[in-house]
Amino acid sequence: MADALAATQPAPLTAGRDAPIGGQAVLEGVMMRGATSWAVAVRKPADAEPAPDGRPAPAPDPAELGAIEVQCFSLSPLARRHRIYRLPLIRGVAALVESLAIGLRALGISASAQLPDEEQQELSGWTWTVTVLVSLVFAIGLFFVVPVGLTSLIRHQLGSSWLFWLVEGVVRTSIFLGYLFLLSRIRDLRRVFEYHGAEHKAISCYEAQDSLTPERATLYSRLHPRCGTSFLLVVMIMAIFVFAPIGLPAWWILVLTRILGVPVIAGLSFEVIKWAGRNRAKSWVRAIMFPGLQLQKLTTREPGLDQLAVAIAALQAVLDRQPAPGSDVELLGLEVVA
């Protein structure tokens, strides 16, 4: 019966154009980034009514709605300030570092918004710098150093360099897929994944030049070709081909090349995701990006209208500061993730 009902429902809408808008789900909210600004919209906790007997009231149910708080910040991307950061490969690395810094700061803002006003505080710039560095070290260690280390344990049994990099690539991709699967099973992250879906739907609604309302946005797919999940899958696959020509040198050289090769892989993957976003209307491009889109089913969930309202509030705050469409500056702040 459920299958028959699903078959009668229309397929989700998708946008046919790419726009310089990206974003990220945060705690009870969404961050949106444009060419010249970024904004965080967060659903504040509903005010708890005191119990009749004077005892503290229980925490409000997550479904209860509080006000939407929006904070907007100016943005001057490296690509707009220095010509070198507009070059292929380099622009991808610069955009990713900026995205990580903004994303972590947005998470801090959303976490602070869930606290009482007297307890809210924003972390210092030095704290965010350390957090970004620790995040990068963790990602490089887990997805690049660990795979080559594990494969090196059986390098003599493999007997050839091409088999070594193939096994390493399989190990790396398996760790990545397992990591996403474990995240998807954490119940406390479900609402974050719903806001992730809301972010995608709001961006697709804007890219389709549709009315930015929760009712219209809900008609669009929660999967987006520029999603960071798809980007990371491209990174895993791209690494196989980038490391293939290195061969099978000493173990410490293998580890060093995996660390130094991360910017090259990230830059190449950035170009692939940008290209896919611009050419999403072509059927063969959609076929290539299909695995990444399906992987997003682990990191997104169908949002409610209240969550779409939060995503649209963040998006609208960015659009209010966005340059006129078609201007040169509009193209320089293009976010890689959506």
Protein backbone atom coordinates (compact mmCIF):
# COMPACT_ATOMS: atom_id res chain seq x y z
CA MET A 1 0.00 0.00 0.00
CA ALA A 2 2.80 2.41 0.91
CA ASP A 3 4.61 1.62 -2.34
CA ALA A 4 1.46 2.30 -4.35
CA LEU A 5 0.96 5.62 -2.57
CA ALA A 6 4.57 6.66 -3.18
CA ALA A 7 4.22 5.82 -6.86
CA THR A 8 1.28 8.24 -7.21
CA GLN A 9 3.16 11.18 -5.68
CA PRO A 10 4.87 13.57 -8.12
CA ALA A 11 8.66 13.54 -8.27
CA PRO A 12 10.38 16.38 -6.36
CA LEU A 13 11.19 19.45 -8.42
CA THR A 14 14.78 20.32 -9.31
CA ALA A 15 16.38 23.57 -10.49
CA GLY A 16 18.04 23.83 -13.88
CA ARG A 17 20.52 26.60 -13.07
CA ASP A 18 23.31 27.21 -10.61
CA ALA A 19 23.40 30.21 -8.26
CA PRO A 20 26.20 31.63 -6.08
CA ILE A 21 24.49 30.48 -2.89
CA GLY A 22 25.60 27.76 -0.50
CA GLY A 23 24.88 26.81 3.04
CA GLN A 24 25.09 24.45 5.95
CA ALA A 25 22.77 23.02 8.57
CA VAL A 26 23.49 24.07 12.16
CA LEU A 27 21.81 23.43 15.51
CA GLU A 28 18.12 24.24 15.06
CA GLY A 29 18.95 26.42 12.08
CA VAL A 30 20.65 27.05 8.77
CA MET A 31 23.63 29.08 7.60
CA MET A 32 23.47 30.55 4.11
CA ARG A 33 26.39 32.12 2.24
CA GLY A 34 26.38 34.36 -0.81
CA ALA A 35 28.90 36.45 -2.70
CA THR A 36 29.21 39.30 -0.21
CA SER A 37 27.57 38.09 3.01
CA TRP A 38 26.53 35.12 5.08
CA ALA A 39 23.71 34.69 7.54
CA VAL A 40 22.59 32.31 10.28
CA ALA A 41 18.91 31.79 11.06
CA VAL A 42 18.11 29.83 14.22
CA ARG A 43 14.84 28.76 15.77
CA LYS A 44 14.99 29.92 19.39
CA PRO A 45 13.66 27.59 22.10
CA ALA A 46 10.03 28.19 22.99
CA ASP A 47 9.54 29.90 26.35
CA ALA A 48 8.65 27.33 28.97
CA GLU A 49 5.56 28.02 31.08
CA PRO A 50 6.12 27.57 34.83
CA ALA A 51 4.33 24.64 36.44
CA PRO A 52 1.25 25.51 38.58
CA ASP A 53 2.88 24.18 41.75
CA GLY A 54 5.94 26.36 41.25
CA ARG A 55 8.26 23.57 40.16
CA PRO A 56 10.42 24.16 37.04
CA ALA A 57 8.57 23.29 33.85
CA PRO A 58 9.95 20.44 31.73
CA ALA A 59 12.02 21.33 28.68
CA PRO A 60 9.81 22.28 25.70
CA ASP A 61 9.27 19.68 23.03
CA PRO A 62 11.49 20.25 19.93
CA ALA A 63 8.35 20.53 17.84
CA GLU A 64 7.23 23.63 19.77
CA LEU A 65 8.07 26.74 17.83
CA GLY A 66 10.08 29.66 19.09
CA ALA A 67 11.01 32.85 17.24
CA ILE A 68 13.46 32.84 14.31
CA GLU A 69 16.63 34.78 15.10
CA VAL A 70 18.72 35.93 12.12
CA GLN A 71 22.27 37.27 12.20
CA CYS A 72 23.92 38.52 9.01
CA PHE A 73 27.62 39.23 8.42
CA SER A 74 29.57 40.87 5.61
CA LEU A 75 31.93 38.69 3.60
CA SER A 76 34.97 39.56 1.52
CA PRO A 77 36.23 36.29 -0.02
CA LEU A 78 39.90 35.86 -0.86
CA ALA A 79 38.91 35.50 -4.52
CA ARG A 80 37.68 39.10 -4.52
CA ARG A 81 40.76 40.47 -2.75
CA HIS A 82 43.61 38.70 -4.57
CA ARG A 83 43.75 37.57 -8.19
CA ILE A 84 45.81 34.49 -7.36
CA TYR A 85 42.86 32.99 -5.46
CA ARG A 86 40.77 33.03 -8.65
CA LEU A 87 43.08 30.57 -10.42
CA PRO A 88 41.90 26.98 -10.92
CA LEU A 89 42.82 24.61 -8.07
CA ILE A 90 43.90 27.50 -5.83
CA ARG A 91 40.39 28.97 -5.74
CA GLY A 92 39.00 25.65 -4.59
CA VAL A 93 41.37 25.38 -1.64
CA ALA A 94 40.71 28.99 -0.62
CA ALA A 95 36.93 28.51 -0.85
CA LEU A 96 37.05 25.34 1.24
CA VAL A 97 39.13 26.89 4.03
CA GLU A 98 36.79 29.89 4.12
CA SER A 99 33.76 27.60 4.15
CA LEU A 100 35.15 25.59 7.05
CA ALA A 101 35.87 28.73 9.08
CA ILE A 102 32.41 30.21 8.43
CA GLY A 103 30.69 26.89 9.07
CA LEU A 104 32.35 26.40 12.45
CA ARG A 105 31.54 29.95 13.48
CA ALA A 106 27.92 29.42 12.40
CA LEU A 107 27.74 26.29 14.55
CA GLY A 108 28.97 28.31 17.51
CA ILE A 109 26.33 30.99 16.93
CA SER A 110 23.55 28.41 16.67
CA ALA A 111 24.67 26.64 19.85
CA SER A 112 24.81 29.93 21.73
CA ALA A 113 21.30 30.82 20.52
CA GLN A 114 19.89 27.78 22.31
CA LEU A 115 21.11 29.11 25.67
CA PRO A 116 19.44 31.74 27.88
CA ASP A 117 20.39 35.29 26.92
CA GLU A 118 22.57 35.77 29.99
CA GLU A 119 24.65 32.69 29.10
CA GLN A 120 25.24 33.49 25.43
CA GLN A 121 28.77 34.32 24.33
CA GLU A 122 30.81 34.19 21.12
CA LEU A 123 34.20 32.50 21.01
CA SER A 124 37.31 34.46 20.09
CA GLY A 125 38.96 34.43 16.66
CA TRP A 126 41.93 32.50 18.07
CA THR A 127 39.60 29.77 19.31
CA TRP A 128 38.04 29.43 15.85
CA THR A 129 41.49 29.24 14.25
CA VAL A 130 42.49 26.38 16.53
CA THR A 131 39.15 24.64 15.88
CA VAL A 132 39.62 24.86 12.10
CA LEU A 133 43.16 23.47 12.35
CA VAL A 134 42.07 20.59 14.57
CA SER A 135 39.22 19.78 12.18
CA LEU A 136 41.58 19.71 9.21
CA VAL A 137 44.09 17.51 11.03
CA PHE A 138 41.33 15.07 12.01
CA ALA A 139 39.95 14.87 8.45
CA ILE A 140 43.37 14.43 6.84
CA GLY A 141 44.37 11.83 9.42
CA LEU A 142 41.18 9.78 9.14
CA PHE A 143 40.66 9.85 5.37
CA PHE A 144 44.23 10.00 4.06
CA VAL A 145 46.85 8.94 6.62
CA VAL A 146 44.90 6.02 8.13
CA PRO A 147 44.08 4.39 4.74
CA VAL A 148 47.68 4.52 3.50
CA GLY A 149 48.89 3.28 6.90
CA LEU A 150 46.54 0.30 6.89
CA THR A 151 47.37 -0.58 3.29
CA SER A 152 51.10 -0.32 4.02
CA LEU A 153 50.73 -3.19 6.49
CA ILE A 154 50.07 -5.54 3.55
CA ARG A 155 52.13 -3.82 0.86
CA HIS A 156 54.47 -6.78 0.44
CA GLN A 157 51.55 -9.14 -0.03
CA LEU A 158 50.04 -6.92 -2.74
CA GLY A 159 53.17 -7.08 -4.87
CA SER A 160 52.47 -4.14 -7.22
CA SER A 161 51.98 -0.39 -6.99
CA TRP A 162 48.74 -0.31 -8.97
CA LEU A 163 47.15 -2.88 -6.63
CA PHE A 164 48.40 -0.87 -3.64
CA TRP A 165 46.70 2.38 -4.68
CA LEU A 166 43.56 0.48 -5.67
CA VAL A 167 43.28 -1.16 -2.24
CA GLU A 168 44.12 2.11 -0.55
CA GLY A 169 41.34 3.83 -2.49
CA VAL A 170 38.85 1.15 -1.49
CA VAL A 171 39.90 1.44 2.17
CA ARG A 172 39.62 5.25 2.06
CA THR A 173 36.18 5.20 0.44
CA SER A 174 34.99 2.48 2.85
CA ILE A 175 36.06 4.55 5.86
CA PHE A 176 34.23 7.55 4.43
CA LEU A 177 31.02 5.61 3.75
CA GLY A 178 31.17 3.97 7.17
CA TYR A 179 31.69 7.37 8.80
CA LEU A 180 28.60 8.78 7.07
CA PHE A 181 26.54 5.71 7.91
CA LEU A 182 27.42 5.97 11.60
CA LEU A 183 26.52 9.67 11.60
CA SER A 184 23.17 8.89 9.99
CA ARG A 185 22.36 6.47 12.84
CA ILE A 186 22.80 9.07 15.58
CA ARG A 187 19.28 10.03 16.69
CA ASP A 188 20.39 13.42 18.06
CA LEU A 189 21.50 14.47 14.56
CA ARG A 190 18.13 13.81 12.93
CA ARG A 191 16.94 17.41 13.23
CA VAL A 192 20.29 18.65 11.87
CA PHE A 193 19.76 16.41 8.84
CA GLU A 194 16.24 17.81 8.47
CA TYR A 195 17.65 21.34 8.44
CA HIS A 196 20.20 20.12 5.87
CA GLY A 197 17.30 19.06 3.67
CA ALA A 198 15.59 22.40 4.28
CA GLU A 199 18.73 24.22 3.20
CA HIS A 200 18.88 22.28 -0.09
CA LYS A 201 15.19 22.79 -0.81
CA ALA A 202 15.38 26.54 -0.18
CA ILE A 203 18.41 26.93 -2.46
CA SER A 204 16.80 24.85 -5.23
CA CYS A 205 13.60 26.90 -4.93
CA TYR A 206 15.65 30.09 -5.39
CA GLU A 207 17.66 28.62 -8.28
CA ALA A 208 14.38 27.71 -10.01
CA GLN A 209 13.25 31.35 -9.56
CA ASP A 210 10.20 30.13 -7.67
CA SER A 211 8.45 31.94 -4.83
CA LEU A 212 10.49 31.69 -1.65
CA THR A 213 7.82 30.28 0.63
CA PRO A 214 7.91 27.11 2.73
CA GLU A 215 4.96 25.72 0.77
CA ARG A 216 6.78 26.09 -2.56
CA ALA A 217 10.18 25.04 -1.23
CA THR A 218 8.78 21.76 0.09
CA LEU A 219 8.07 20.68 -3.50
CA TYR A 220 11.80 20.59 -4.35
CA SER A 221 14.25 17.75 -3.89
CA ARG A 222 16.29 17.59 -0.71
CA LEU A 223 19.25 16.40 -2.83
CA HIS A 224 21.53 19.00 -4.44
CA PRO A 225 24.44 18.53 -6.88
CA ARG A 226 26.68 20.97 -4.96
CA CYS A 227 26.20 19.32 -1.57
CA GLY A 228 29.26 18.86 0.59
CA THR A 229 28.44 15.15 0.88
CA SER A 230 28.75 14.77 -2.90
CA PHE A 231 31.92 16.84 -2.82
CA LEU A 232 33.55 14.53 -0.27
CA LEU A 233 32.70 11.47 -2.37
CA VAL A 234 34.39 13.15 -5.35
CA VAL A 235 37.42 13.78 -3.10
CA MET A 236 37.62 10.09 -2.19
CA ILE A 237 37.49 9.03 -5.86
CA MET A 238 39.79 11.80 -7.08
CA ALA A 239 42.45 10.74 -4.57
CA ILE A 240 42.75 7.33 -6.25
CA PHE A 241 43.79 8.89 -9.55
CA VAL A 242 46.00 11.62 -8.07
CA PHE A 243 48.06 9.17 -6.00
CA ALA A 244 48.34 6.50 -8.72
CA PRO A 245 51.47 7.93 -10.48
CA ILE A 246 53.43 8.11 -7.21
CA GLY A 247 54.05 4.39 -7.21
CA LEU A 248 55.23 2.55 -4.10
CA PRO A 249 58.07 4.44 -2.38
CA ALA A 250 59.06 4.21 1.30
CA TRP A 251 56.21 4.38 3.81
CA TRP A 252 57.11 7.85 5.09
CA ILE A 253 57.06 9.21 1.53
CA LEU A 254 53.63 7.65 1.03
CA VAL A 255 52.32 9.37 4.16
CA LEU A 256 53.92 12.70 3.18
CA THR A 257 52.44 12.62 -0.33
CA ARG A 258 48.98 11.93 1.12
CA ILE A 259 49.23 15.00 3.33
CA LEU A 260 50.73 17.30 0.70
CA GLY A 261 48.33 16.01 -1.94
CA VAL A 262 45.19 17.07 -0.06
CA PRO A 263 45.14 20.65 -1.47
CA VAL A 264 45.54 19.32 -5.04
CA ILE A 265 42.70 16.82 -4.57
CA ALA A 266 40.48 19.43 -2.93
CA GLY A 267 41.13 21.92 -5.73
CA LEU A 268 40.35 19.37 -8.46
CA SER A 269 37.21 18.19 -6.67
CA PHE A 270 36.05 21.79 -6.31
CA GLU A 271 36.29 22.25 -10.08
CA VAL A 272 34.33 19.03 -10.66
CA ILE A 273 31.52 20.09 -8.34
CA LYS A 274 31.34 23.57 -9.91
CA TRP A 275 31.22 22.01 -13.37
CA ALA A 276 28.49 19.59 -12.33
CA GLY A 277 26.41 22.38 -10.85
CA ARG A 278 26.61 24.44 -14.05
CA ASN A 279 25.80 21.45 -16.28
CA ARG A 280 23.20 19.73 -14.12
CA ALA A 281 20.60 19.89 -16.91
CA LYS A 282 22.55 17.37 -19.02
CA SER A 283 21.46 13.79 -18.50
CA TRP A 284 24.98 12.33 -18.66
CA VAL A 285 26.17 14.77 -15.99
CA ARG A 286 23.28 13.73 -13.75
CA ALA A 287 24.31 10.11 -14.29
CA ILE A 288 27.87 10.85 -13.17
CA MET A 289 26.67 12.70 -10.06
CA PHE A 290 24.00 10.10 -9.23
CA PRO A 291 26.07 8.22 -6.58
CA GLY A 292 26.80 11.45 -4.73
CA LEU A 293 23.15 12.46 -4.80
CA GLN A 294 22.08 9.09 -3.41
CA LEU A 295 24.67 9.40 -0.66
CA GLN A 296 22.92 12.57 0.48
CA LYS A 297 20.02 10.39 1.61
CA LEU A 298 22.22 9.56 4.61
CA THR A 299 22.84 13.20 5.55
CA THR A 300 19.47 14.79 4.75
CA ARG A 301 15.91 14.20 5.90
CA GLU A 302 12.61 15.66 4.74
CA PRO A 303 12.08 18.93 6.68
CA GLY A 304 8.89 20.43 8.02
CA LEU A 305 7.45 23.77 6.97
CA ASP A 306 8.82 25.38 10.15
CA GLN A 307 12.34 24.28 9.24
CA LEU A 308 11.93 25.52 5.68
CA ALA A 309 10.88 28.90 7.11
CA VAL A 310 14.19 29.07 8.99
CA ALA A 311 16.21 28.19 5.88
CA ILE A 312 14.34 30.79 3.82
CA ALA A 313 14.92 33.44 6.50
CA ALA A 314 18.69 32.85 6.27
CA LEU A 315 18.59 32.83 2.47
CA GLN A 316 16.52 36.01 2.29
CA ALA A 317 18.96 37.81 4.59
CA VAL A 318 21.79 36.95 2.17
CA LEU A 319 19.76 37.86 -0.93
CA ASP A 320 18.99 41.29 0.52
CA ARG A 321 22.74 42.03 0.35
CA GLN A 322 23.46 40.14 -2.87
CA PRO A 323 24.92 42.03 -5.88
CA ALA A 324 22.83 42.45 -8.99
CA PRO A 325 22.60 39.18 -11.01
CA GLY A 326 25.18 38.95 -13.75
CA SER A 327 27.73 41.21 -12.11
CA ASP A 328 31.35 40.08 -11.94
CA VAL A 329 31.44 40.14 -8.16
CA GLU A 330 28.54 37.67 -8.03
CA LEU A 331 30.68 34.93 -9.54
CA LEU A 332 33.66 35.36 -7.22
CA GLY A 333 32.02 34.20 -3.99
CA LEU A 334 30.56 30.97 -5.35
CA GLU A 335 30.23 28.49 -2.52
CA VAL A 336 31.16 24.89 -3.22
CA VAL A 337 28.67 23.29 -0.86
CA ALA A 338 24.92 23.66 -0.80
